[in-house]
């Protein structure tokens, strides 16, 4: 009856190549006549048999390494378990190596594998020592040495040219000499010209292009065009050198002129510019910053709680109740429904409160009835007078507190106007 599967290695006789099932069977095998004859042959020359078994074990182990683990770093015990899975393999107890560690160290000494020891055990890396691999490695090394970078080729060509010039006598190395002053001990003076002096100094005539005898024979019209282009380039270069100084001087004069000029008298709405501060505590504004918090507050409404440095304010958002700080360039006024309270934030009536009377969406203008009974309006060339919509803002009554957008609208769509930057 044939045995199925692998049996224990210690009950295997390498001389007879016989596997026993248990210790009793292995004992009976050792007492048999066939085993005794094989042992007599082994006793006559034990070194020869040990060397043969060791060579067979090494050859089978390395063949498995080259086929299955050729290009990877693997644990030695993993390779050994794969090797002994073959029933007809040469057992290690019949070789000159007592343990697997001794065999692994032997492979490292003979340069058959790259070995390294870790807490998990010995690791192996196959080394291809075949003649074909050696030829490929030598060819790759020669090719790498033969490949020269572009910088190295340039250096080689430069050195070669210098050597040829020295050989022909056309190259002369510079010699270091002492400084000799012809003026004697006279002091050295420097003329440090300022930007204004250089600008007021007479401009030097543009350089004249030299024309050789060979160029005279060319077309006269082409030579005239070339000379004109050269003169224009020289003038442009000189202007470019003086442009920085001239630009700084002109900007300085312009700023002084603007400071000295008085503000022109005009209607309140036309005098308000984009740089005029209009933030006022208690008004409702709309956030126009698209990148703040990933667009969380974009086109959301909030109340101005505190104004800082005229152009910056702390905004309490209506819906989320968050407190944020923004510049007025990132905010926009909110126009309420008709009859709702508003505040004038720009112009002659800045700070006055009133109520909405009329809205002109096409002209971006509104009419506000102030608390003192005056109608704050403006419209050029018509009987009806309106004020600019960007000059007013919604006022939140303290008695009703903050409300959500839906509660404040009451189901009615609130007319919203474009940002101040789009008003003309």
Protein backbone atom coordinates (compact mmCIF):
# COMPACT_ATOMS: atom_id res chain seq x y z
CA UNK A 1 0.00 0.00 0.00
CA UNK A 2 1.56 3.31 -1.11
CA UNK A 3 1.84 6.18 1.35
CA UNK A 4 -0.02 9.37 0.51
CA UNK A 5 1.57 12.74 1.08
CA UNK A 6 4.87 13.60 2.77
CA UNK A 7 6.23 11.75 5.76
CA UNK A 8 8.60 12.86 8.50
CA UNK A 9 12.14 13.57 7.32
CA UNK A 10 13.81 11.76 10.20
CA UNK A 11 12.33 8.43 9.05
CA UNK A 12 13.95 8.66 5.62
CA UNK A 13 17.01 6.63 4.57
CA UNK A 14 19.07 8.52 2.00
CA UNK A 15 21.31 5.57 1.12
CA UNK A 16 18.35 3.32 0.34
CA UNK A 17 16.07 6.24 -0.69
CA UNK A 18 13.29 4.73 1.39
CA UNK A 19 10.66 6.59 3.44
CA UNK A 20 9.27 4.92 6.56
CA UNK A 21 5.95 5.74 8.19
CA UNK A 22 6.94 5.58 11.84
CA UNK A 23 9.83 4.90 14.16
CA UNK A 24 9.17 1.16 14.35
CA UNK A 25 9.24 0.84 10.56
CA UNK A 26 12.46 2.85 10.37
CA UNK A 27 14.03 0.51 13.00
CA UNK A 28 13.03 -2.57 11.04
CA UNK A 29 14.49 -1.03 7.87
CA UNK A 30 17.84 -0.42 9.53
CA UNK A 31 18.02 -4.11 10.53
CA UNK A 32 17.26 -5.33 7.02
CA UNK A 33 19.94 -6.94 4.82
CA UNK A 34 19.62 -4.38 2.03
CA UNK A 35 20.27 -1.47 4.40
CA UNK A 36 23.25 -3.29 5.92
CA UNK A 37 24.83 -3.73 2.48
CA UNK A 38 24.34 -0.03 1.66
CA UNK A 39 25.91 0.98 4.96
CA UNK A 40 28.94 -1.21 4.24
CA UNK A 41 29.43 0.69 0.98
CA UNK A 42 29.06 4.01 2.81
CA UNK A 43 31.64 3.05 5.44
CA UNK A 44 34.22 2.29 2.77
CA UNK A 45 34.22 5.92 1.46
CA UNK A 46 31.92 8.20 3.52
CA UNK A 47 33.35 11.50 2.16
CA UNK A 48 32.47 10.62 -1.42
CA UNK A 49 28.84 9.90 -0.55
CA UNK A 50 28.55 13.02 1.63
CA UNK A 51 29.94 15.22 -1.13
CA UNK A 52 27.56 13.73 -3.71
CA UNK A 53 24.54 14.28 -1.49
CA UNK A 54 25.69 17.84 -0.70
CA UNK A 55 26.16 18.69 -4.36
CA UNK A 56 22.72 17.31 -5.24
CA UNK A 57 21.11 19.33 -2.43
CA UNK A 58 22.91 22.53 -3.45
CA UNK A 59 22.12 22.04 -7.14
CA UNK A 60 18.41 21.44 -6.47
CA UNK A 61 18.15 24.36 -4.05
CA UNK A 62 19.83 26.83 -6.44
CA UNK A 63 17.75 25.59 -9.36
CA UNK A 64 14.62 26.38 -7.38
CA UNK A 65 16.04 29.83 -6.51
CA UNK A 66 16.85 30.63 -10.15
CA UNK A 67 13.44 29.52 -11.42
CA UNK A 68 11.01 30.70 -8.72
CA UNK A 69 12.85 33.44 -6.78
CA UNK A 70 15.25 34.86 -9.35
CA UNK A 71 14.52 38.55 -8.95
CA UNK A 72 13.18 38.89 -5.41
CA UNK A 73 14.45 38.95 -1.86
CA UNK A 74 12.91 36.01 -0.02
CA UNK A 75 13.11 34.33 3.38
CA UNK A 76 15.40 31.29 3.36
CA UNK A 77 12.90 29.16 5.27
CA UNK A 78 10.28 29.87 2.58
CA UNK A 79 12.57 28.54 -0.15
CA UNK A 80 13.46 25.50 1.97
CA UNK A 81 9.80 24.61 2.58
CA UNK A 82 9.17 24.86 -1.16
CA UNK A 83 12.21 22.68 -1.83
CA UNK A 84 11.29 19.82 0.54
CA UNK A 85 7.73 19.70 -0.83
CA UNK A 86 9.17 17.46 -3.55
CA UNK A 87 9.08 13.87 -2.28
CA UNK A 88 12.25 12.84 -4.10
CA UNK A 89 14.46 15.70 -2.93
CA UNK A 90 17.87 15.21 -1.31
CA UNK A 91 17.53 15.54 2.45
CA UNK A 92 19.71 17.95 4.41
CA UNK A 93 20.52 15.38 7.12
CA UNK A 94 22.62 13.55 4.51
CA UNK A 95 24.73 16.61 3.60
CA UNK A 96 27.67 18.38 5.22
CA UNK A 97 25.40 21.17 6.54
CA UNK A 98 23.84 20.53 9.89
CA UNK A 99 21.35 23.45 9.83
CA UNK A 100 19.76 25.70 7.23
CA UNK A 101 21.66 28.70 8.63
CA UNK A 102 24.97 27.01 7.86
CA UNK A 103 23.84 26.36 4.30
CA UNK A 104 22.70 29.98 3.84
CA UNK A 105 26.05 31.30 5.09
CA UNK A 106 27.79 28.95 2.66
CA UNK A 107 25.77 30.45 -0.24
CA UNK A 108 26.84 33.93 0.87
CA UNK A 109 30.53 32.98 1.01
CA UNK A 110 30.45 31.42 -2.46
CA UNK A 111 28.67 34.52 -3.92
CA UNK A 112 25.71 32.50 -5.11
CA UNK A 113 23.25 34.61 -3.12
CA UNK A 114 23.21 37.91 -1.30
CA UNK A 115 22.29 37.19 2.31
CA UNK A 116 21.29 39.36 5.26
CA UNK A 117 20.07 38.44 8.72
CA UNK A 118 16.96 40.01 10.23
CA UNK A 119 14.88 39.30 13.35
CA UNK A 120 12.62 37.17 11.14
CA UNK A 121 15.53 35.06 9.87
CA UNK A 122 17.92 34.84 6.95
CA UNK A 123 16.96 36.49 3.65
CA UNK A 124 18.30 35.44 0.25
CA UNK A 125 18.73 37.34 -3.03
CA UNK A 126 19.75 35.30 -6.08
CA UNK A 127 22.95 36.33 -7.86
CA UNK A 128 23.17 35.40 -11.52
CA UNK A 129 26.74 34.21 -12.15
CA UNK A 130 26.11 32.61 -15.53
CA UNK A 131 28.45 33.47 -18.43
CA UNK A 132 25.58 35.11 -20.32
CA UNK A 133 24.80 37.36 -17.36
CA UNK A 134 28.45 38.33 -17.01
CA UNK A 135 28.63 39.24 -20.70
CA UNK A 136 25.48 41.35 -20.42
CA UNK A 137 26.83 43.17 -17.36
CA UNK A 138 30.16 43.88 -19.08
CA UNK A 139 28.40 45.20 -22.20
CA UNK A 140 26.14 47.46 -20.12
CA UNK A 141 29.12 48.84 -18.21
CA UNK A 142 31.04 49.52 -21.42
CA UNK A 143 28.02 51.25 -22.92
CA UNK A 144 27.58 53.42 -19.83
CA UNK A 145 31.24 54.42 -19.88
CA UNK A 146 31.03 55.16 -23.61
CA UNK A 147 28.07 57.48 -23.19
CA UNK A 148 29.35 60.98 -22.48
CA UNK A 149 27.06 63.79 -21.44
CA UNK A 150 26.72 66.97 -23.49
CA UNK A 151 28.64 68.98 -20.88
CA UNK A 152 31.52 66.52 -20.94
CA UNK A 153 31.60 66.62 -24.75
CA UNK A 154 31.66 70.42 -24.61
CA UNK A 155 34.54 70.38 -22.12
CA UNK A 156 36.46 67.91 -24.25
CA UNK A 157 35.96 70.01 -27.39
CA UNK A 158 36.99 73.17 -25.52
CA UNK A 159 40.16 71.57 -24.18
CA UNK A 160 40.96 70.26 -27.64
CA UNK A 161 40.53 73.73 -29.18
CA UNK A 162 42.75 75.30 -26.49
CA UNK A 163 45.42 72.69 -27.12
CA UNK A 164 45.33 73.35 -30.88
CA UNK A 165 45.57 77.13 -30.33
CA UNK A 166 48.56 76.69 -28.04
CA UNK A 167 50.17 74.44 -30.59
CA UNK A 168 49.63 76.93 -33.45
CA UNK A 169 50.72 79.91 -31.33
CA UNK A 170 47.39 81.75 -31.60
CA UNK A 171 46.60 81.51 -27.88
CA UNK A 172 48.35 83.73 -25.36
CA UNK A 173 47.76 83.49 -21.65
CA UNK A 174 47.18 86.75 -19.76
CA UNK A 175 50.04 88.00 -17.61
CA UNK A 176 49.52 89.76 -14.28
CA UNK A 177 51.24 93.18 -14.05
CA UNK A 178 51.36 95.92 -11.43
CA UNK A 179 49.08 98.95 -11.63
CA UNK A 180 50.92 101.96 -13.08
CA UNK A 181 49.43 105.45 -12.75
CA UNK A 182 50.57 107.96 -15.35
CA UNK A 183 49.12 110.99 -13.50
CA UNK A 184 51.37 110.50 -10.51
CA UNK A 185 49.88 111.20 -7.09
CA UNK A 186 46.92 113.26 -8.33
CA UNK A 187 43.67 112.44 -6.50
CA UNK A 188 41.05 110.36 -8.27
CA UNK A 189 37.66 112.06 -8.72
CA UNK A 190 34.31 110.49 -9.60
CA UNK A 191 31.37 112.23 -11.27
CA UNK A 192 28.16 110.79 -9.71
CA UNK A 193 25.38 112.06 -11.97
CA UNK A 194 21.81 111.99 -10.62
CA UNK A 195 18.75 110.86 -12.53
CA UNK A 196 17.50 114.42 -13.19
CA UNK A 197 20.90 115.58 -14.42
CA UNK A 198 21.16 112.62 -16.74
CA UNK A 199 17.69 113.29 -18.08
CA UNK A 200 18.44 117.02 -18.68
CA UNK A 201 21.83 116.35 -20.28
CA UNK A 202 21.87 116.44 -24.08
CA UNK A 203 21.30 113.05 -25.59
CA UNK A 204 24.25 111.48 -27.35
CA UNK A 205 23.90 110.98 -31.07
CA UNK A 206 22.88 107.44 -31.97
CA UNK A 207 25.68 105.15 -33.06
CA UNK A 208 26.29 105.04 -36.77
CA UNK A 209 26.44 101.63 -38.31
CA UNK A 210 29.73 100.97 -40.07
CA UNK A 211 29.38 99.75 -43.61
CA UNK A 212 32.17 97.69 -45.09
CA UNK A 213 33.27 97.67 -48.70
CA UNK A 214 31.45 94.41 -49.30
CA UNK A 215 28.21 95.91 -47.97
CA UNK A 216 28.49 98.90 -50.35
CA UNK A 217 27.99 96.55 -53.26
CA UNK A 218 24.60 95.47 -51.83
CA UNK A 219 21.28 97.12 -52.55
CA UNK A 220 21.34 100.75 -51.32
CA UNK A 221 17.69 100.60 -50.23
CA UNK A 222 18.34 97.55 -48.03
CA UNK A 223 21.32 99.29 -46.42
CA UNK A 224 19.16 102.36 -45.66
CA UNK A 225 16.54 100.20 -43.95
CA UNK A 226 19.19 98.44 -41.88
CA UNK A 227 20.68 101.76 -40.73
CA UNK A 228 17.23 103.11 -39.82
CA UNK A 229 16.37 99.99 -37.77
CA UNK A 230 19.70 100.21 -35.91
CA UNK A 231 19.09 103.88 -35.03
CA UNK A 232 15.56 103.14 -33.82
CA UNK A 233 16.76 100.28 -31.62
CA UNK A 234 19.42 102.52 -30.03
CA UNK A 235 16.83 105.23 -29.27
CA UNK A 236 14.38 102.70 -27.81
CA UNK A 237 17.15 101.30 -25.60
CA UNK A 238 18.00 104.77 -24.26
CA UNK A 239 14.34 105.54 -23.57
CA UNK A 240 13.97 102.26 -21.73
CA UNK A 241 16.90 103.10 -19.46
CA UNK A 242 15.34 106.45 -18.47
CA UNK A 243 11.73 105.21 -18.21
CA UNK A 244 12.00 104.08 -14.59
CA UNK A 245 13.30 107.47 -13.35
CA UNK A 246 10.83 109.43 -15.45
CA UNK A 247 7.93 107.27 -14.32
CA UNK A 248 8.77 107.75 -10.64
CA UNK A 249 9.08 111.53 -11.09
CA UNK A 250 5.78 111.73 -12.96
CA UNK A 251 3.96 109.66 -10.35
CA UNK A 252 5.31 111.88 -7.58
CA UNK A 253 4.17 115.05 -9.36
CA UNK A 254 0.75 113.54 -10.06
CA UNK A 255 0.22 112.61 -6.40
CA UNK A 256 1.20 116.16 -5.31
CA UNK A 257 -1.19 117.66 -7.87
CA UNK A 258 -4.08 115.50 -6.65
CA UNK A 259 -3.48 116.50 -3.02
CA UNK A 260 -3.44 120.22 -3.87
CA UNK A 261 -6.56 120.15 -6.05
CA UNK A 262 -9.84 120.78 -4.10
CA UNK A 263 -12.70 118.31 -4.38
CA UNK A 264 -15.12 119.41 -7.15
CA UNK A 265 -18.59 120.46 -6.05
CA UNK A 266 -21.17 118.02 -7.39
CA UNK A 267 -24.33 116.25 -6.30
CA UNK A 268 -24.01 113.91 -3.34
CA UNK A 269 -24.42 110.79 -5.41
CA UNK A 270 -21.85 111.70 -8.06
CA UNK A 271 -19.25 112.76 -5.47
CA UNK A 272 -19.26 109.35 -3.78
CA UNK A 273 -16.44 107.23 -5.16
CA UNK A 274 -15.51 103.60 -4.73
CA UNK A 275 -12.93 104.48 -2.06
CA UNK A 276 -15.42 106.34 0.17
CA UNK A 277 -16.21 104.41 3.36
CA UNK A 278 -19.90 103.52 3.59
CA UNK A 279 -19.95 100.84 6.30
CA UNK A 280 -22.31 101.75 9.14
CA UNK A 281 -23.33 99.77 12.20
CA UNK A 282 -26.81 98.27 12.05
CA UNK A 283 -27.20 97.96 8.26
CA UNK A 284 -27.72 94.73 6.34
CA UNK A 285 -25.07 93.77 3.78
CA UNK A 286 -24.50 90.88 1.41
CA UNK A 287 -21.18 88.97 1.27
CA UNK A 288 -19.70 88.84 -2.26
CA UNK A 289 -16.51 86.90 -1.39
CA UNK A 290 -16.64 83.65 -3.39
CA UNK A 291 -13.56 81.96 -1.86
CA UNK A 292 -14.28 82.57 1.84
CA UNK A 293 -14.90 79.23 3.62
CA UNK A 294 -15.29 77.53 0.25
CA UNK A 295 -18.13 79.84 -0.81
CA UNK A 296 -20.18 79.19 2.34
CA UNK A 297 -21.03 82.87 2.83
CA UNK A 298 -21.27 83.87 -0.83
CA UNK A 299 -24.39 86.02 -1.44
CA UNK A 300 -25.48 85.51 2.19
CA UNK A 301 -26.80 88.40 4.28
CA UNK A 302 -25.48 89.65 7.58
CA UNK A 303 -25.66 92.59 9.98
CA UNK A 304 -22.79 95.05 10.50
CA UNK A 305 -22.07 94.83 14.23
CA UNK A 306 -18.89 96.91 14.44
CA UNK A 307 -16.91 99.04 11.98
CA UNK A 308 -13.12 98.91 12.22
CA UNK A 309 -10.90 101.50 10.51
CA UNK A 310 -13.79 102.75 8.29
CA UNK A 311 -13.26 100.13 5.56
CA UNK A 312 -13.48 96.91 7.64
CA UNK A 313 -16.42 95.58 9.63
CA UNK A 314 -17.47 92.62 11.78
CA UNK A 315 -20.44 90.93 10.12
CA UNK A 316 -22.90 88.71 12.04
CA UNK A 317 -24.42 86.31 9.49
CA UNK A 318 -28.22 86.05 9.62
CA UNK A 319 -28.63 82.33 8.95
CA UNK A 320 -25.53 80.70 10.48
CA UNK A 321 -24.96 83.34 13.23
CA UNK A 322 -21.24 83.25 12.43
CA UNK A 323 -19.11 86.36 13.03
CA UNK A 324 -16.72 87.24 10.20
CA UNK A 325 -14.54 90.27 9.40
CA UNK A 326 -14.44 91.57 5.82
CA UNK A 327 -13.45 94.64 3.84
CA UNK A 328 -16.18 96.77 2.26
CA UNK A 329 -14.90 95.81 -1.21
CA UNK A 330 -16.17 92.28 -0.47
CA UNK A 331 -19.61 93.49 0.67
CA UNK A 332 -22.68 94.86 -1.08
CA UNK A 333 -25.64 96.87 0.18
CA UNK A 334 -29.10 95.26 0.26
CA UNK A 335 -32.19 97.04 -1.14
CA UNK A 336 -35.40 96.21 0.80
CA UNK A 337 -39.02 96.12 -0.33
CA UNK A 338 -41.05 99.27 -0.78
CA UNK A 339 -41.97 100.97 2.48
CA UNK A 340 -39.14 99.28 4.43
CA UNK A 341 -36.66 101.34 6.50
CA UNK A 342 -33.34 102.25 4.89
CA UNK A 343 -30.27 104.39 5.67
CA UNK A 344 -28.30 106.65 3.33
CA UNK A 345 -24.65 105.57 3.52
CA UNK A 346 -23.12 107.93 0.93
CA UNK A 347 -23.44 111.50 -0.21
CA UNK A 348 -24.96 114.62 1.29
CA UNK A 349 -27.52 112.82 3.47
CA UNK A 350 -25.13 110.15 4.76
CA UNK A 351 -26.36 108.68 8.05
CA UNK A 352 -30.00 109.76 7.51
CA UNK A 353 -32.74 107.16 7.86
CA UNK A 354 -35.93 106.90 5.84
CA UNK A 355 -38.28 104.56 3.99
CA UNK A 356 -38.28 103.16 0.47
CA UNK A 357 -40.69 104.90 -1.90
CA UNK A 358 -39.76 103.94 -5.46
CA UNK A 359 -37.32 101.53 -7.20
CA UNK A 360 -36.10 101.93 -10.78
CA UNK A 361 -34.37 98.64 -11.65
CA UNK A 362 -33.32 99.76 -15.14
CA UNK A 363 -31.47 102.87 -13.92
CA UNK A 364 -30.38 101.25 -10.63
CA UNK A 365 -31.90 104.14 -8.68
CA UNK A 366 -34.33 104.47 -5.78
CA UNK A 367 -36.35 107.21 -4.06
CA UNK A 368 -36.13 107.46 -0.26
CA UNK A 369 -38.41 109.50 2.01
CA UNK A 370 -36.22 110.73 4.86
CA UNK A 371 -37.43 110.99 8.44
CA UNK A 372 -37.46 114.81 8.28
CA UNK A 373 -39.95 114.70 5.41
CA UNK A 374 -37.52 115.39 2.56
CA UNK A 375 -37.49 113.12 -0.50
CA UNK A 376 -33.92 112.07 -1.29
CA UNK A 377 -33.97 111.57 -5.07
CA UNK A 378 -31.81 112.13 -8.11
CA UNK A 379 -32.19 111.43 -11.80
CA UNK A 380 -30.53 113.37 -14.61
CA UNK A 381 -32.76 114.96 -17.24
CA UNK A 382 -36.18 113.86 -15.94
CA UNK A 383 -38.94 115.14 -13.71
CA UNK A 384 -38.62 112.18 -11.36
CA UNK A 385 -35.61 112.32 -9.09
CA UNK A 386 -33.85 109.22 -7.74
CA UNK A 387 -30.71 108.48 -5.73
CA UNK A 388 -28.15 105.83 -6.67
CA UNK A 389 -29.09 102.40 -5.28
CA UNK A 390 -25.58 101.84 -3.94
CA UNK A 391 -25.96 104.90 -1.68
CA UNK A 392 -28.59 103.30 0.61
CA UNK A 393 -28.72 100.16 2.72
CA UNK A 394 -31.33 98.18 4.63
CA UNK A 395 -31.70 99.09 8.32
CA UNK A 396 -32.57 96.33 10.82
CA UNK A 397 -35.02 97.37 13.58
CA UNK A 398 -33.81 96.46 17.03
CA UNK A 399 -37.38 95.65 18.14
CA UNK A 400 -37.79 92.78 15.72
CA UNK A 401 -34.23 91.43 15.96
CA UNK A 402 -32.49 89.28 13.34
CA UNK A 403 -34.74 87.24 11.07
CA UNK A 404 -34.02 84.69 8.41
CA UNK A 405 -34.23 85.59 4.75
CA UNK A 406 -37.54 83.73 4.24
CA UNK A 407 -39.14 85.37 7.31
CA UNK A 408 -38.03 88.87 6.27
CA UNK A 409 -39.23 88.46 2.70
CA UNK A 410 -42.66 87.08 3.73
CA UNK A 411 -43.05 85.21 0.45
CA UNK A 412 -42.28 88.31 -1.66
CA UNK A 413 -39.17 88.36 -3.84
CA UNK A 414 -36.78 91.09 -2.70
CA UNK A 415 -35.34 93.06 -5.65
CA UNK A 416 -31.53 92.76 -5.51
CA UNK A 417 -29.30 94.98 -7.59
CA UNK A 418 -25.87 94.25 -9.09
CA UNK A 419 -22.66 94.97 -7.15
CA UNK A 420 -21.29 98.50 -6.99
CA UNK A 421 -18.47 97.63 -9.35
CA UNK A 422 -20.98 96.92 -12.14
CA UNK A 423 -22.94 100.19 -11.75
CA UNK A 424 -22.14 102.82 -14.36
